[in-house]
Structures are given as structure tokens and as C-alpha cells.
């Protein structure tokens, strides 16, 4: 693999990872309401899911998934449904004010749920499958060791993706002081609920073409 080819790959992945999407929105929201550590666990879940999609696409299984209308639509509707669920949950929340994470240790004692939440959103985004299935054929050199190429591609993606997700979580945690003011939780839930539902509706329009 030449350095020029790797730079082109970095630029392509940078476009994917820097663009705001459901995972970055979720990480930022968790950062706002639960603090940076909660957002970081959510980011790790999303990263694990999307890295798995990257691996499937690299090994050729992504082609099978994208060519199967049933599997592709199942992934799409699970993702869209979960985003709408998060949106409705926020919209119907009765919370009037949030408690700062440092004062609400019980809410942060189990980070598994945040990891799983990130995992579901990351894994159920068919756009990642479309991106990687279309991307890898442009960069893979069949005359070179495929495993080495996979390691380089995967590590590059992991560094960029995790950096952006952690940044979104950090930005959310830094802006949380506004949310913790009395009565702000209701407004925040209305805003994020509408965005999540909109993201779910947009995701449902994804097609294989």
C-alpha cells in the first residue's frame, strides 16, 4: 500500500466520520445528560458496531448483506425504529430538571446500557454498510497481503471515528451546564426527541441503490 493511497483513504473516511449522524448525536446527547464518561461508553459501543460492519464489508459479507433486500431492510428498519423509540422516549419524558452526573452516581454505575445503546445505533445504520461496501474495492490491492491492508484500514478508521465520537461526547458534556438549569430538561428533551425521530425517518429512506 502506497502512502498516497492511504492518504486518499484517510480523506474518504474523514468525510464519513466527521459528518454528524445518529451515533454522534447519541454520543453528544449522552454527554449532555450523563457527562463525558457516559458519552465515551456510548461511543465505544458505536465504534464496536461500525468496526464490525467494516470487517464484514472487507471480508465480502457486506456484499451479501447489501444484495439481500430482506437483510438490508431488516437492518434499516431496526435502526430507524430504535431512533424513533429514543425520540418518543425523550418527547414523553416527565423530567423537568436534570441532576448533575457527579451528584447522581447511581445513574452512572452501570455503563453497559450506554454501550449497548451505542452498539444498536451503530450496527443498525445501513449507510455504513453501503459506504464500506463501495469504498473498499477502490483501495484494496489483491496482489498484496489482505490482512495487512485490513489492519491499516481498520486502525485508521478506529482512530478517526473514535476521535470524532469522543469529541461530540466532550462537547455535549461541556454544554451541559445550560441543560442542568431548572426546567431546561423539558426543552432539551423536546429538541433531541424531534431530532432523533427525524433521523429515524431519514434512515428509513435509505435504499440499496
C-alpha atoms as a PDB file:
ATOM      1  CA  UNK A   1       0.000   0.000   0.000  1.00  0.00           C
ATOM      2  CA  UNK A   2       1.425   3.354  -1.018  1.00  0.00           C
ATOM      3  CA  UNK A   3       1.316   6.423   1.183  1.00  0.00           C
ATOM      4  CA  UNK A   4      -0.685   8.230  -1.489  1.00  0.00           C
ATOM      5  CA  UNK A   5      -3.367   5.532  -1.455  1.00  0.00           C
ATOM      6  CA  UNK A   6      -3.537   5.656   2.331  1.00  0.00           C
ATOM      7  CA  UNK A   7      -3.966   9.446   2.276  1.00  0.00           C
ATOM      8  CA  UNK A   8      -6.873   9.095  -0.159  1.00  0.00           C
ATOM      9  CA  UNK A   9      -8.414   6.527   2.180  1.00  0.00           C
ATOM     10  CA  UNK A  10      -7.971   8.855   5.173  1.00  0.00           C
ATOM     11  CA  UNK A  11      -9.737  11.644   3.305  1.00  0.00           C
ATOM     12  CA  UNK A  12     -12.633   9.339   2.391  1.00  0.00           C
ATOM     13  CA  UNK A  13     -13.019   8.077   5.966  1.00  0.00           C
ATOM     14  CA  UNK A  14     -12.683  11.609   7.308  1.00  0.00           C
ATOM     15  CA  UNK A  15     -15.762  12.606   5.328  1.00  0.00           C
ATOM     16  CA  UNK A  16     -17.711   9.696   6.841  1.00  0.00           C
ATOM     17  CA  UNK A  17     -16.579  10.155  10.438  1.00  0.00           C
ATOM     18  CA  UNK A  18     -16.738  13.959  10.576  1.00  0.00           C
ATOM     19  CA  UNK A  19     -20.275  14.136   9.212  1.00  0.00           C
ATOM     20  CA  UNK A  20     -22.858  14.306  12.041  1.00  0.00           C
ATOM     21  CA  UNK A  21     -25.052  11.220  12.171  1.00  0.00           C
ATOM     22  CA  UNK A  22     -27.164   9.171  14.590  1.00  0.00           C
ATOM     23  CA  UNK A  23     -24.127   7.896  16.530  1.00  0.00           C
ATOM     24  CA  UNK A  24     -22.570  11.329  17.001  1.00  0.00           C
ATOM     25  CA  UNK A  25     -25.957  12.758  18.004  1.00  0.00           C
ATOM     26  CA  UNK A  26     -26.426   9.971  20.543  1.00  0.00           C
ATOM     27  CA  UNK A  27     -22.930  10.486  21.997  1.00  0.00           C
ATOM     28  CA  UNK A  28     -23.496  14.212  22.325  1.00  0.00           C
ATOM     29  CA  UNK A  29     -26.894  13.687  23.963  1.00  0.00           C
ATOM     30  CA  UNK A  30     -25.456  11.203  26.448  1.00  0.00           C
ATOM     31  CA  UNK A  31     -22.607  13.609  27.126  1.00  0.00           C
ATOM     32  CA  UNK A  32     -25.086  16.371  27.914  1.00  0.00           C
ATOM     33  CA  UNK A  33     -27.305  14.367  30.241  1.00  0.00           C
ATOM     34  CA  UNK A  34     -24.788  11.959  31.764  1.00  0.00           C
ATOM     35  CA  UNK A  35     -21.355  13.511  31.429  1.00  0.00           C
ATOM     36  CA  UNK A  36     -18.331  12.754  29.282  1.00  0.00           C
ATOM     37  CA  UNK A  37     -17.768   9.246  30.655  1.00  0.00           C
ATOM     38  CA  UNK A  38     -21.314   8.181  29.716  1.00  0.00           C
ATOM     39  CA  UNK A  39     -20.812   9.646  26.237  1.00  0.00           C
ATOM     40  CA  UNK A  40     -17.482   7.801  25.952  1.00  0.00           C
ATOM     41  CA  UNK A  41     -19.057   4.429  26.760  1.00  0.00           C
ATOM     42  CA  UNK A  42     -21.748   5.156  24.181  1.00  0.00           C
ATOM     43  CA  UNK A  43     -19.008   5.995  21.664  1.00  0.00           C
ATOM     44  CA  UNK A  44     -17.226   2.704  22.351  1.00  0.00           C
ATOM     45  CA  UNK A  45     -20.431   0.786  21.668  1.00  0.00           C
ATOM     46  CA  UNK A  46     -20.972   2.587  18.380  1.00  0.00           C
ATOM     47  CA  UNK A  47     -17.322   2.071  17.426  1.00  0.00           C
ATOM     48  CA  UNK A  48     -17.551  -1.674  18.115  1.00  0.00           C
ATOM     49  CA  UNK A  49     -20.609  -1.961  15.878  1.00  0.00           C
ATOM     50  CA  UNK A  50     -19.264   0.069  12.960  1.00  0.00           C
ATOM     51  CA  UNK A  51     -15.872  -1.675  13.125  1.00  0.00           C
ATOM     52  CA  UNK A  52     -17.743  -4.977  12.823  1.00  0.00           C
ATOM     53  CA  UNK A  53     -19.518  -3.620   9.740  1.00  0.00           C
ATOM     54  CA  UNK A  54     -16.129  -2.588   8.346  1.00  0.00           C
ATOM     55  CA  UNK A  55     -14.832  -6.125   8.893  1.00  0.00           C
ATOM     56  CA  UNK A  56     -17.879  -7.707   7.259  1.00  0.00           C
ATOM     57  CA  UNK A  57     -17.562  -5.432   4.255  1.00  0.00           C
ATOM     58  CA  UNK A  58     -13.842  -6.143   3.926  1.00  0.00           C
ATOM     59  CA  UNK A  59     -14.345  -9.900   4.002  1.00  0.00           C
ATOM     60  CA  UNK A  60     -17.079  -9.725   1.368  1.00  0.00           C
ATOM     61  CA  UNK A  61     -20.001 -10.488   3.659  1.00  0.00           C
ATOM     62  CA  UNK A  62     -21.105  -6.890   3.252  1.00  0.00           C
ATOM     63  CA  UNK A  63     -21.852  -7.630  -0.380  1.00  0.00           C
ATOM     64  CA  UNK A  64     -24.157 -10.478   0.678  1.00  0.00           C
ATOM     65  CA  UNK A  65     -25.952  -8.227   3.155  1.00  0.00           C
ATOM     66  CA  UNK A  66     -26.385  -5.372   0.712  1.00  0.00           C
ATOM     67  CA  UNK A  67     -27.589  -7.725  -2.031  1.00  0.00           C
ATOM     68  CA  UNK A  68     -30.242  -9.261   0.209  1.00  0.00           C
ATOM     69  CA  UNK A  69     -33.276  -6.999   0.306  1.00  0.00           C
ATOM     70  CA  UNK A  70     -34.677  -8.785   3.364  1.00  0.00           C
ATOM     71  CA  UNK A  71     -31.490  -8.429   5.455  1.00  0.00           C
ATOM     72  CA  UNK A  72     -30.831  -4.879   4.304  1.00  0.00           C
ATOM     73  CA  UNK A  73     -34.382  -3.743   5.073  1.00  0.00           C
ATOM     74  CA  UNK A  74     -34.343  -5.516   8.440  1.00  0.00           C
ATOM     75  CA  UNK A  75     -31.196  -3.627   9.451  1.00  0.00           C
ATOM     76  CA  UNK A  76     -32.654  -0.381   8.133  1.00  0.00           C
ATOM     77  CA  UNK A  77     -35.977  -0.661   9.949  1.00  0.00           C
ATOM     78  CA  UNK A  78     -34.398  -1.810  13.219  1.00  0.00           C
ATOM     79  CA  UNK A  79     -32.180   1.257  13.153  1.00  0.00           C
ATOM     80  CA  UNK A  80     -34.977   3.618  12.169  1.00  0.00           C
ATOM     81  CA  UNK A  81     -37.313   2.104  14.758  1.00  0.00           C
ATOM     82  CA  UNK A  82     -34.763   2.428  17.553  1.00  0.00           C
ATOM     83  CA  UNK A  83     -34.064   6.072  16.726  1.00  0.00           C
ATOM     84  CA  UNK A  84     -37.792   6.822  16.696  1.00  0.00           C
ATOM     85  CA  UNK A  85     -38.099   4.988  20.023  1.00  0.00           C
ATOM     86  CA  UNK A  86     -35.360   7.185  21.520  1.00  0.00           C
ATOM     87  CA  UNK A  87     -37.147  10.240  20.142  1.00  0.00           C
ATOM     88  CA  UNK A  88     -40.527   9.275  21.558  1.00  0.00           C
ATOM     89  CA  UNK A  89     -38.931   8.409  24.891  1.00  0.00           C
ATOM     90  CA  UNK A  90     -37.430  11.894  25.046  1.00  0.00           C
ATOM     91  CA  UNK A  91     -40.625  13.607  23.934  1.00  0.00           C
ATOM     92  CA  UNK A  92     -42.739  11.816  26.536  1.00  0.00           C
ATOM     93  CA  UNK A  93     -40.229  12.247  29.363  1.00  0.00           C
ATOM     94  CA  UNK A  94     -41.666  13.820  32.503  1.00  0.00           C
ATOM     95  CA  UNK A  95     -38.305  15.162  33.680  1.00  0.00           C
ATOM     96  CA  UNK A  96     -38.336  18.868  34.411  1.00  0.00           C
ATOM     97  CA  UNK A  97     -34.708  19.178  35.511  1.00  0.00           C
ATOM     98  CA  UNK A  98     -31.601  17.016  35.257  1.00  0.00           C
ATOM     99  CA  UNK A  99     -29.282  16.180  38.128  1.00  0.00           C
ATOM    100  CA  UNK A 100     -25.570  16.710  37.507  1.00  0.00           C
ATOM    101  CA  UNK A 101     -23.767  13.362  36.982  1.00  0.00           C
ATOM    102  CA  UNK A 102     -21.393  13.953  39.897  1.00  0.00           C
ATOM    103  CA  UNK A 103     -24.377  14.163  42.220  1.00  0.00           C
ATOM    104  CA  UNK A 104     -26.203  11.239  40.676  1.00  0.00           C
ATOM    105  CA  UNK A 105     -23.656   8.422  40.891  1.00  0.00           C
ATOM    106  CA  UNK A 106     -26.300   5.690  40.743  1.00  0.00           C
ATOM    107  CA  UNK A 107     -27.235   6.723  37.201  1.00  0.00           C
ATOM    108  CA  UNK A 108     -23.618   6.214  36.121  1.00  0.00           C
ATOM    109  CA  UNK A 109     -22.893   2.977  37.999  1.00  0.00           C
ATOM    110  CA  UNK A 110     -23.818   0.689  35.111  1.00  0.00           C
ATOM    111  CA  UNK A 111     -22.316   1.749  31.787  1.00  0.00           C
ATOM    112  CA  UNK A 112     -23.367  -1.426  29.961  1.00  0.00           C
ATOM    113  CA  UNK A 113     -26.679   0.100  28.897  1.00  0.00           C
ATOM    114  CA  UNK A 114     -24.892   3.084  27.334  1.00  0.00           C
ATOM    115  CA  UNK A 115     -22.500   0.788  25.470  1.00  0.00           C
ATOM    116  CA  UNK A 116     -25.425  -1.287  24.189  1.00  0.00           C
ATOM    117  CA  UNK A 117     -27.313   1.841  23.128  1.00  0.00           C
ATOM    118  CA  UNK A 118     -24.334   2.966  21.060  1.00  0.00           C
ATOM    119  CA  UNK A 119     -23.942  -0.567  19.719  1.00  0.00           C
ATOM    120  CA  UNK A 120     -27.536  -0.707  18.472  1.00  0.00           C
ATOM    121  CA  UNK A 121     -27.419   2.692  16.777  1.00  0.00           C
ATOM    122  CA  UNK A 122     -24.061   1.947  15.167  1.00  0.00           C
ATOM    123  CA  UNK A 123     -24.957  -1.552  13.995  1.00  0.00           C
ATOM    124  CA  UNK A 124     -28.342  -0.654  12.561  1.00  0.00           C
ATOM    125  CA  UNK A 125     -27.135   2.051  10.197  1.00  0.00           C
ATOM    126  CA  UNK A 126     -27.212   0.631   6.652  1.00  0.00           C
ATOM    127  CA  UNK A 127     -25.363   3.695   5.360  1.00  0.00           C
ATOM    128  CA  UNK A 128     -22.175   2.319   6.918  1.00  0.00           C
ATOM    129  CA  UNK A 129     -22.659  -0.935   5.006  1.00  0.00           C
ATOM    130  CA  UNK A 130     -23.228   0.989   1.783  1.00  0.00           C
ATOM    131  CA  UNK A 131     -20.170   3.160   2.389  1.00  0.00           C
ATOM    132  CA  UNK A 132     -17.706   0.406   3.183  1.00  0.00           C
ATOM    133  CA  UNK A 133     -19.007  -1.979   0.515  1.00  0.00           C
ATOM    134  CA  UNK A 134     -18.474   0.732  -2.094  1.00  0.00           C
ATOM    135  CA  UNK A 135     -15.240   2.025  -0.538  1.00  0.00           C
ATOM    136  CA  UNK A 136     -13.008  -0.998  -0.115  1.00  0.00           C
ATOM    137  CA  UNK A 137     -12.930  -2.174  -3.760  1.00  0.00           C
ATOM    138  CA  UNK A 138     -11.398   1.218  -4.615  1.00  0.00           C
ATOM    139  CA  UNK A 139      -8.449   0.745  -2.253  1.00  0.00           C
ATOM    140  CA  UNK A 140      -7.778  -2.983  -1.873  1.00  0.00           C
ATOM    141  CA  UNK A 141      -4.818  -4.314  -3.835  1.00  0.00           C
ATOM    142  CA  UNK A 142      -5.415  -8.068  -4.369  1.00  0.00           C
ATOM    143  CA  UNK A 143      -1.714  -8.623  -5.129  1.00  0.00           C
ATOM    144  CA  UNK A 144      -0.730  -7.545  -1.598  1.00  0.00           C
ATOM    145  CA  UNK A 145      -1.377  -9.181   1.763  1.00  0.00           C
ATOM    146  CA  UNK A 146      -5.045  -8.624   2.538  1.00  0.00           C
ATOM    147  CA  UNK A 147      -4.625  -8.953   6.306  1.00  0.00           C
ATOM    148  CA  UNK A 148      -2.064  -6.133   6.433  1.00  0.00           C
ATOM    149  CA  UNK A 149      -4.349  -3.938   4.367  1.00  0.00           C
ATOM    150  CA  UNK A 150      -7.266  -4.745   6.672  1.00  0.00           C
ATOM    151  CA  UNK A 151      -5.237  -3.829   9.770  1.00  0.00           C
ATOM    152  CA  UNK A 152      -4.180  -0.485   8.257  1.00  0.00           C
ATOM    153  CA  UNK A 153      -7.708   0.343   7.062  1.00  0.00           C
ATOM    154  CA  UNK A 154      -9.322  -0.716  10.340  1.00  0.00           C
ATOM    155  CA  UNK A 155      -6.876   1.093  12.630  1.00  0.00           C
ATOM    156  CA  UNK A 156      -7.146   4.263  10.564  1.00  0.00           C
ATOM    157  CA  UNK A 157     -10.921   4.156  10.779  1.00  0.00           C
ATOM    158  CA  UNK A 158     -10.950   3.360  14.520  1.00  0.00           C
ATOM    159  CA  UNK A 159      -8.692   6.324  15.352  1.00  0.00           C
ATOM    160  CA  UNK A 160     -10.715   8.803  13.278  1.00  0.00           C
ATOM    161  CA  UNK A 161     -14.157   7.504  14.275  1.00  0.00           C
ATOM    162  CA  UNK A 162     -13.399   7.301  17.990  1.00  0.00           C
ATOM    163  CA  UNK A 163     -11.791  10.748  17.969  1.00  0.00           C
ATOM    164  CA  UNK A 164     -14.895  12.357  16.473  1.00  0.00           C
ATOM    165  CA  UNK A 165     -17.340  10.485  18.702  1.00  0.00           C
ATOM    166  CA  UNK A 166     -15.378  11.394  21.826  1.00  0.00           C
ATOM    167  CA  UNK A 167     -15.271  14.994  20.636  1.00  0.00           C
ATOM    168  CA  UNK A 168     -19.064  15.042  20.292  1.00  0.00           C
ATOM    169  CA  UNK A 169     -19.378  13.497  23.773  1.00  0.00           C
ATOM    170  CA  UNK A 170     -16.979  16.113  25.163  1.00  0.00           C
ATOM    171  CA  UNK A 171     -18.838  18.985  23.508  1.00  0.00           C
ATOM    172  CA  UNK A 172     -22.067  17.648  24.975  1.00  0.00           C
ATOM    173  CA  UNK A 173     -20.592  17.395  28.463  1.00  0.00           C
ATOM    174  CA  UNK A 174     -19.147  20.915  28.249  1.00  0.00           C
ATOM    175  CA  UNK A 175     -22.511  22.370  27.287  1.00  0.00           C
ATOM    176  CA  UNK A 176     -24.398  20.515  29.996  1.00  0.00           C
ATOM    177  CA  UNK A 177     -24.445  23.425  32.447  1.00  0.00           C
ATOM    178  CA  UNK A 178     -27.219  25.008  30.388  1.00  0.00           C
ATOM    179  CA  UNK A 179     -29.290  21.812  30.493  1.00  0.00           C
ATOM    180  CA  UNK A 180     -28.978  21.430  34.267  1.00  0.00           C
ATOM    181  CA  UNK A 181     -30.712  24.738  34.899  1.00  0.00           C
ATOM    182  CA  UNK A 182     -34.185  24.337  36.356  1.00  0.00           C
ATOM    183  CA  UNK A 183     -36.811  23.470  33.752  1.00  0.00           C
ATOM    184  CA  UNK A 184     -34.347  23.085  30.863  1.00  0.00           C
ATOM    185  CA  UNK A 185     -34.716  19.286  30.698  1.00  0.00           C
ATOM    186  CA  UNK A 186     -38.165  19.607  29.121  1.00  0.00           C
ATOM    187  CA  UNK A 187     -36.897  21.826  26.299  1.00  0.00           C
ATOM    188  CA  UNK A 188     -33.830  19.661  25.717  1.00  0.00           C
ATOM    189  CA  UNK A 189     -35.947  16.502  25.538  1.00  0.00           C
ATOM    190  CA  UNK A 190     -38.279  18.127  23.029  1.00  0.00           C
ATOM    191  CA  UNK A 191     -35.388  19.221  20.824  1.00  0.00           C
ATOM    192  CA  UNK A 192     -33.467  15.933  20.911  1.00  0.00           C
ATOM    193  CA  UNK A 193     -36.655  13.893  20.614  1.00  0.00           C
ATOM    194  CA  UNK A 194     -37.581  15.677  17.407  1.00  0.00           C
ATOM    195  CA  UNK A 195     -34.064  15.258  16.006  1.00  0.00           C
ATOM    196  CA  UNK A 196     -33.977  11.522  16.800  1.00  0.00           C
ATOM    197  CA  UNK A 197     -37.358  10.970  15.156  1.00  0.00           C
ATOM    198  CA  UNK A 198     -36.209  12.966  12.140  1.00  0.00           C
ATOM    199  CA  UNK A 199     -33.023  10.895  11.943  1.00  0.00           C
ATOM    200  CA  UNK A 200     -35.072   7.705  12.111  1.00  0.00           C
ATOM    201  CA  UNK A 201     -37.365   8.901   9.346  1.00  0.00           C
ATOM    202  CA  UNK A 202     -34.367   9.841   7.193  1.00  0.00           C
ATOM    203  CA  UNK A 203     -32.697   6.487   7.830  1.00  0.00           C
ATOM    204  CA  UNK A 204     -35.856   4.658   6.734  1.00  0.00           C
ATOM    205  CA  UNK A 205     -35.492   6.190   3.255  1.00  0.00           C
ATOM    206  CA  UNK A 206     -32.089   4.572   2.693  1.00  0.00           C
ATOM    207  CA  UNK A 207     -32.015   2.275  -0.312  1.00  0.00           C
ATOM    208  CA  UNK A 208     -29.501  -0.168  -1.729  1.00  0.00           C
ATOM    209  CA  UNK A 209     -29.176   1.826  -4.941  1.00  0.00           C
END
